[in-house]
């Protein structure tokens, strides 16, 4: 045991442990004095604990912010993708419409040649077309005019007895009307039984049915 003399003792400051019974506050001077006696191992442990807590807090915050940023980026990419798909669909739709128009034109051209050939072998077909168009008129129609191709007009005059009803019926020759069709006009009605109109109606019905089936399947 070493005894310190009175002179040397005056240069020393006695140490007392901090009061731990208070409400949880420590005087700064006391804390500084207490910190002098912490071992390097204890300080390293405190630093590691503080680092872990700070890392956990930063990781959680970064994860939340990163998730929100990822969601925003995904939404932006989806919007761009939808815009690209819409742009791609537009030319396809225009192409489909163009192909449909070309098919209708081709079908009408083929039908014209077929009708001309059939009329040569069976001229009575134009008579059936005219009868059907006239029957579509309202009852008691007056001043009926039937527009036909000149070659078909000859067949109709020979096939139908128009002499008795000359005041009610009249045949009009029109080279613009395709053979195999006709137009019937009265005071209040107009029947378009031309080849083009009838064929377009058939094609529209067929295309409409196919589109309906496609929509049901999709």
Foldseek 3Di string as FASTA:
>chain_A
DDDDDPVVVVVDDDDDQFDPPDPPDDDPVNVVVVVVPDDPVNVVVVVVVVVVVVVVVVVVVCVVVVVVVVVVVVVVVVVVVVVVVVVVVVVVVVVVVVVLVVVLVVVLVVVLVVLVVVCVVPVCLLVVQVVVQVVPDDPPFFQKEKEAAVVNLVVNPVPDPCPVVVRGYYYHHDNVARHNFIWMDTPPDIGGGGSSVVSVVVSVVVVVVVVVVVVVVD
